[in-house]
Amino acid sequence: MQYLLLAVVAVGFAAFAPIKVTLSLVACIGIVSLVVKITATKLIGPVAMKDAFRSVAWAFALLSAAVVGVLWVNQGQLQVEGVAAIALVCGLFAAFVLGFKIGLQASFGSSAAIAAISTVVSSLLLFALRPVLF
């Protein structure tokens, strides 16, 4: 059931987003999944790449749902500057913690530690891709 939900989210995102945005986010998810695999292996033991990818996909799906909610409330306006950028990073951290709890079945402390490293990496990637994404 989890894979079906993630597939629906991925197809829905790919259907409505421009191709350069879709490919950029797929690359980000791949890089962050590799970081998660390495970090989780050091913290909680061996982790398969598919589990790392699934947990990162859950995190991005949760964050995407939050961003869509913000866009809906603000009638399509999203400014990623100042306080909004900090809120986005905090939302990314919370989404990662929940994604790792779901995808890796890790404890809250382990999920938070993995999420801290993943948030830094993904924030840097998203900042680098800001001209493409926003």
C-alpha atoms as a PDB file:
ATOM      1  CA  MET A   1       0.000   0.000   0.000  1.00  0.00           C
ATOM      2  CA  GLN A   2       2.862   2.373   0.785  1.00  0.00           C
ATOM      3  CA  TYR A   3       4.383   1.890  -2.645  1.00  0.00           C
ATOM      4  CA  LEU A   4       1.046   2.536  -4.332  1.00  0.00           C
ATOM      5  CA  LEU A   5       0.605   5.821  -2.465  1.00  0.00           C
ATOM      6  CA  LEU A   6       4.168   6.909  -3.286  1.00  0.00           C
ATOM      7  CA  ALA A   7       3.645   5.975  -6.944  1.00  0.00           C
ATOM      8  CA  VAL A   8       0.460   8.057  -7.110  1.00  0.00           C
ATOM      9  CA  VAL A   9       2.272  11.044  -5.562  1.00  0.00           C
ATOM     10  CA  ALA A  10       5.190  10.666  -7.999  1.00  0.00           C
ATOM     11  CA  VAL A  11       2.970  10.375 -11.071  1.00  0.00           C
ATOM     12  CA  GLY A  12       0.835  13.295  -9.910  1.00  0.00           C
ATOM     13  CA  PHE A  13       3.891  15.471  -9.350  1.00  0.00           C
ATOM     14  CA  ALA A  14       5.452  14.496 -12.680  1.00  0.00           C
ATOM     15  CA  ALA A  15       2.184  15.223 -14.489  1.00  0.00           C
ATOM     16  CA  PHE A  16       1.909  18.800 -13.264  1.00  0.00           C
ATOM     17  CA  ALA A  17       5.517  19.935 -12.755  1.00  0.00           C
ATOM     18  CA  PRO A  18       7.808  21.037 -15.569  1.00  0.00           C
ATOM     19  CA  ILE A  19      10.306  18.399 -16.709  1.00  0.00           C
ATOM     20  CA  LYS A  20      13.365  20.290 -15.411  1.00  0.00           C
ATOM     21  CA  VAL A  21      11.774  20.555 -11.947  1.00  0.00           C
ATOM     22  CA  THR A  22      10.861  16.859 -11.955  1.00  0.00           C
ATOM     23  CA  LEU A  23      14.355  15.760 -13.014  1.00  0.00           C
ATOM     24  CA  SER A  24      15.997  18.114 -10.502  1.00  0.00           C
ATOM     25  CA  LEU A  25      13.939  16.725  -7.639  1.00  0.00           C
ATOM     26  CA  VAL A  26      14.595  13.133  -8.723  1.00  0.00           C
ATOM     27  CA  ALA A  27      18.329  13.894  -8.624  1.00  0.00           C
ATOM     28  CA  CYS A  28      17.935  15.503  -5.179  1.00  0.00           C
ATOM     29  CA  ILE A  29      16.027  12.493  -3.880  1.00  0.00           C
ATOM     30  CA  GLY A  30      18.748  10.181  -5.207  1.00  0.00           C
ATOM     31  CA  ILE A  31      21.584  12.141  -3.600  1.00  0.00           C
ATOM     32  CA  VAL A  32      19.767  12.523  -0.286  1.00  0.00           C
ATOM     33  CA  SER A  33      18.889   8.803  -0.332  1.00  0.00           C
ATOM     34  CA  LEU A  34      22.574   7.960  -0.627  1.00  0.00           C
ATOM     35  CA  VAL A  35      23.373  10.258   2.307  1.00  0.00           C
ATOM     36  CA  VAL A  36      20.557   8.647   4.317  1.00  0.00           C
ATOM     37  CA  LYS A  37      21.842   5.160   3.537  1.00  0.00           C
ATOM     38  CA  ILE A  38      25.353   6.034   4.704  1.00  0.00           C
ATOM     39  CA  THR A  39      24.177   7.889   7.817  1.00  0.00           C
ATOM     40  CA  ALA A  40      21.568   5.304   8.797  1.00  0.00           C
ATOM     41  CA  THR A  41      24.051   2.463   8.342  1.00  0.00           C
ATOM     42  CA  LYS A  42      26.410   4.177  10.779  1.00  0.00           C
ATOM     43  CA  LEU A  43      23.653   4.941  13.320  1.00  0.00           C
ATOM     44  CA  ILE A  44      21.201   2.025  13.256  1.00  0.00           C
ATOM     45  CA  GLY A  45      22.942  -0.731  11.310  1.00  0.00           C
ATOM     46  CA  PRO A  46      22.711  -1.972   7.734  1.00  0.00           C
ATOM     47  CA  VAL A  47      20.076  -0.202   5.654  1.00  0.00           C
ATOM     48  CA  ALA A  48      19.183  -1.147   2.086  1.00  0.00           C
ATOM     49  CA  MET A  49      19.173   1.576  -0.559  1.00  0.00           C
ATOM     50  CA  LYS A  50      15.501   0.869  -1.320  1.00  0.00           C
ATOM     51  CA  ASP A  51      14.597   1.548   2.326  1.00  0.00           C
ATOM     52  CA  ALA A  52      16.560   4.805   2.292  1.00  0.00           C
ATOM     53  CA  PHE A  53      14.921   5.825  -0.970  1.00  0.00           C
ATOM     54  CA  ARG A  54      11.458   4.939   0.350  1.00  0.00           C
ATOM     55  CA  SER A  55      11.972   6.976   3.524  1.00  0.00           C
ATOM     56  CA  VAL A  56      13.222  10.011   1.569  1.00  0.00           C
ATOM     57  CA  ALA A  57      10.304   9.658  -0.846  1.00  0.00           C
ATOM     58  CA  TRP A  58       7.936   9.655   2.150  1.00  0.00           C
ATOM     59  CA  ALA A  59       9.611  12.784   3.489  1.00  0.00           C
ATOM     60  CA  PHE A  60       9.318  14.619   0.178  1.00  0.00           C
ATOM     61  CA  ALA A  61       5.700  13.460  -0.210  1.00  0.00           C
ATOM     62  CA  LEU A  62       4.869  14.824   3.257  1.00  0.00           C
ATOM     63  CA  LEU A  63       6.663  18.095   2.534  1.00  0.00           C
ATOM     64  CA  SER A  64       4.956  18.369  -0.858  1.00  0.00           C
ATOM     65  CA  ALA A  65       1.571  17.965   0.809  1.00  0.00           C
ATOM     66  CA  ALA A  66       2.445  20.768   3.224  1.00  0.00           C
ATOM     67  CA  VAL A  67       3.631  23.049   0.400  1.00  0.00           C
ATOM     68  CA  VAL A  68       0.459  22.363  -1.602  1.00  0.00           C
ATOM     69  CA  GLY A  69      -1.561  23.266   1.493  1.00  0.00           C
ATOM     70  CA  VAL A  70       0.338  26.547   1.847  1.00  0.00           C
ATOM     71  CA  LEU A  71      -0.139  27.301  -1.847  1.00  0.00           C
ATOM     72  CA  TRP A  72      -3.847  26.595  -1.553  1.00  0.00           C
ATOM     73  CA  VAL A  73      -4.258  28.892   1.450  1.00  0.00           C
ATOM     74  CA  ASN A  74      -2.188  31.676  -0.161  1.00  0.00           C
ATOM     75  CA  GLN A  75      -3.914  31.403  -3.564  1.00  0.00           C
ATOM     76  CA  GLY A  76      -0.791  30.170  -5.354  1.00  0.00           C
ATOM     77  CA  GLN A  77       1.700  32.583  -3.813  1.00  0.00           C
ATOM     78  CA  LEU A  78       4.848  31.131  -2.226  1.00  0.00           C
ATOM     79  CA  GLN A  79       7.760  33.306  -1.182  1.00  0.00           C
ATOM     80  CA  VAL A  80      10.869  31.430  -0.088  1.00  0.00           C
ATOM     81  CA  GLU A  81      12.717  34.247   1.652  1.00  0.00           C
ATOM     82  CA  GLY A  82      13.410  35.148   5.260  1.00  0.00           C
ATOM     83  CA  VAL A  83      11.031  33.545   7.743  1.00  0.00           C
ATOM     84  CA  ALA A  84       9.382  31.444   5.017  1.00  0.00           C
ATOM     85  CA  ALA A  85      12.742  29.872   4.156  1.00  0.00           C
ATOM     86  CA  ILE A  86      13.350  29.007   7.809  1.00  0.00           C
ATOM     87  CA  ALA A  87       9.841  27.540   8.050  1.00  0.00           C
ATOM     88  CA  LEU A  88      10.531  25.468   4.914  1.00  0.00           C
ATOM     89  CA  VAL A  89      13.744  24.065   6.411  1.00  0.00           C
ATOM     90  CA  CYS A  90      11.936  23.268   9.697  1.00  0.00           C
ATOM     91  CA  GLY A  91       9.169  21.593   7.710  1.00  0.00           C
ATOM     92  CA  LEU A  92      11.784  19.624   5.790  1.00  0.00           C
ATOM     93  CA  PHE A  93      13.330  18.458   9.076  1.00  0.00           C
ATOM     94  CA  ALA A  94       9.935  17.398  10.466  1.00  0.00           C
ATOM     95  CA  ALA A  95       9.079  15.612   7.212  1.00  0.00           C
ATOM     96  CA  PHE A  96      12.405  13.769   7.313  1.00  0.00           C
ATOM     97  CA  VAL A  97      11.847  12.656  10.909  1.00  0.00           C
ATOM     98  CA  LEU A  98       8.392  11.324  10.014  1.00  0.00           C
ATOM     99  CA  GLY A  99       9.679   9.777   6.780  1.00  0.00           C
ATOM    100  CA  PHE A 100      12.448   7.939   8.611  1.00  0.00           C
ATOM    101  CA  LYS A 101      10.029   6.758  11.287  1.00  0.00           C
ATOM    102  CA  ILE A 102       7.782   5.338   8.534  1.00  0.00           C
ATOM    103  CA  GLY A 103      10.414   4.139   6.048  1.00  0.00           C
ATOM    104  CA  LEU A 104      13.198   2.916   8.317  1.00  0.00           C
ATOM    105  CA  GLN A 105      11.202   2.119  11.473  1.00  0.00           C
ATOM    106  CA  ALA A 106      13.937   3.902  13.434  1.00  0.00           C
ATOM    107  CA  SER A 107      13.527   5.373  16.893  1.00  0.00           C
ATOM    108  CA  PHE A 108      12.748   9.056  17.245  1.00  0.00           C
ATOM    109  CA  GLY A 109      16.308   9.901  18.318  1.00  0.00           C
ATOM    110  CA  SER A 110      17.872   8.026  15.401  1.00  0.00           C
ATOM    111  CA  SER A 111      15.356   9.535  12.986  1.00  0.00           C
ATOM    112  CA  ALA A 112      16.132  13.024  14.275  1.00  0.00           C
ATOM    113  CA  ALA A 113      19.900  12.477  13.947  1.00  0.00           C
ATOM    114  CA  ILE A 114      19.567  11.156  10.400  1.00  0.00           C
ATOM    115  CA  ALA A 115      17.112  13.955   9.599  1.00  0.00           C
ATOM    116  CA  ALA A 116      19.520  16.629  10.833  1.00  0.00           C
ATOM    117  CA  ILE A 117      22.214  15.516   8.395  1.00  0.00           C
ATOM    118  CA  SER A 118      19.716  14.955   5.581  1.00  0.00           C
ATOM    119  CA  THR A 119      18.169  18.380   6.136  1.00  0.00           C
ATOM    120  CA  VAL A 120      21.529  20.105   5.777  1.00  0.00           C
ATOM    121  CA  VAL A 121      22.328  18.210   2.563  1.00  0.00           C
ATOM    122  CA  SER A 122      18.883  18.666   1.017  1.00  0.00           C
ATOM    123  CA  SER A 123      18.726  22.347   2.029  1.00  0.00           C
ATOM    124  CA  LEU A 124      22.023  22.964   0.264  1.00  0.00           C
ATOM    125  CA  LEU A 125      20.773  21.088  -2.811  1.00  0.00           C
ATOM    126  CA  LEU A 126      17.470  22.966  -2.849  1.00  0.00           C
ATOM    127  CA  PHE A 127      19.294  26.273  -2.381  1.00  0.00           C
ATOM    128  CA  ALA A 128      21.550  25.417  -5.332  1.00  0.00           C
ATOM    129  CA  LEU A 129      18.498  24.508  -7.430  1.00  0.00           C
ATOM    130  CA  ARG A 130      16.479  27.539  -6.320  1.00  0.00           C
ATOM    131  CA  PRO A 131      16.567  29.214  -9.769  1.00  0.00           C
ATOM    132  CA  VAL A 132      15.135  26.050 -11.340  1.00  0.00           C
ATOM    133  CA  LEU A 133      12.559  25.218  -8.667  1.00  0.00           C
ATOM    134  CA  PHE A 134      11.186  28.582  -7.620  1.00  0.00           C
END
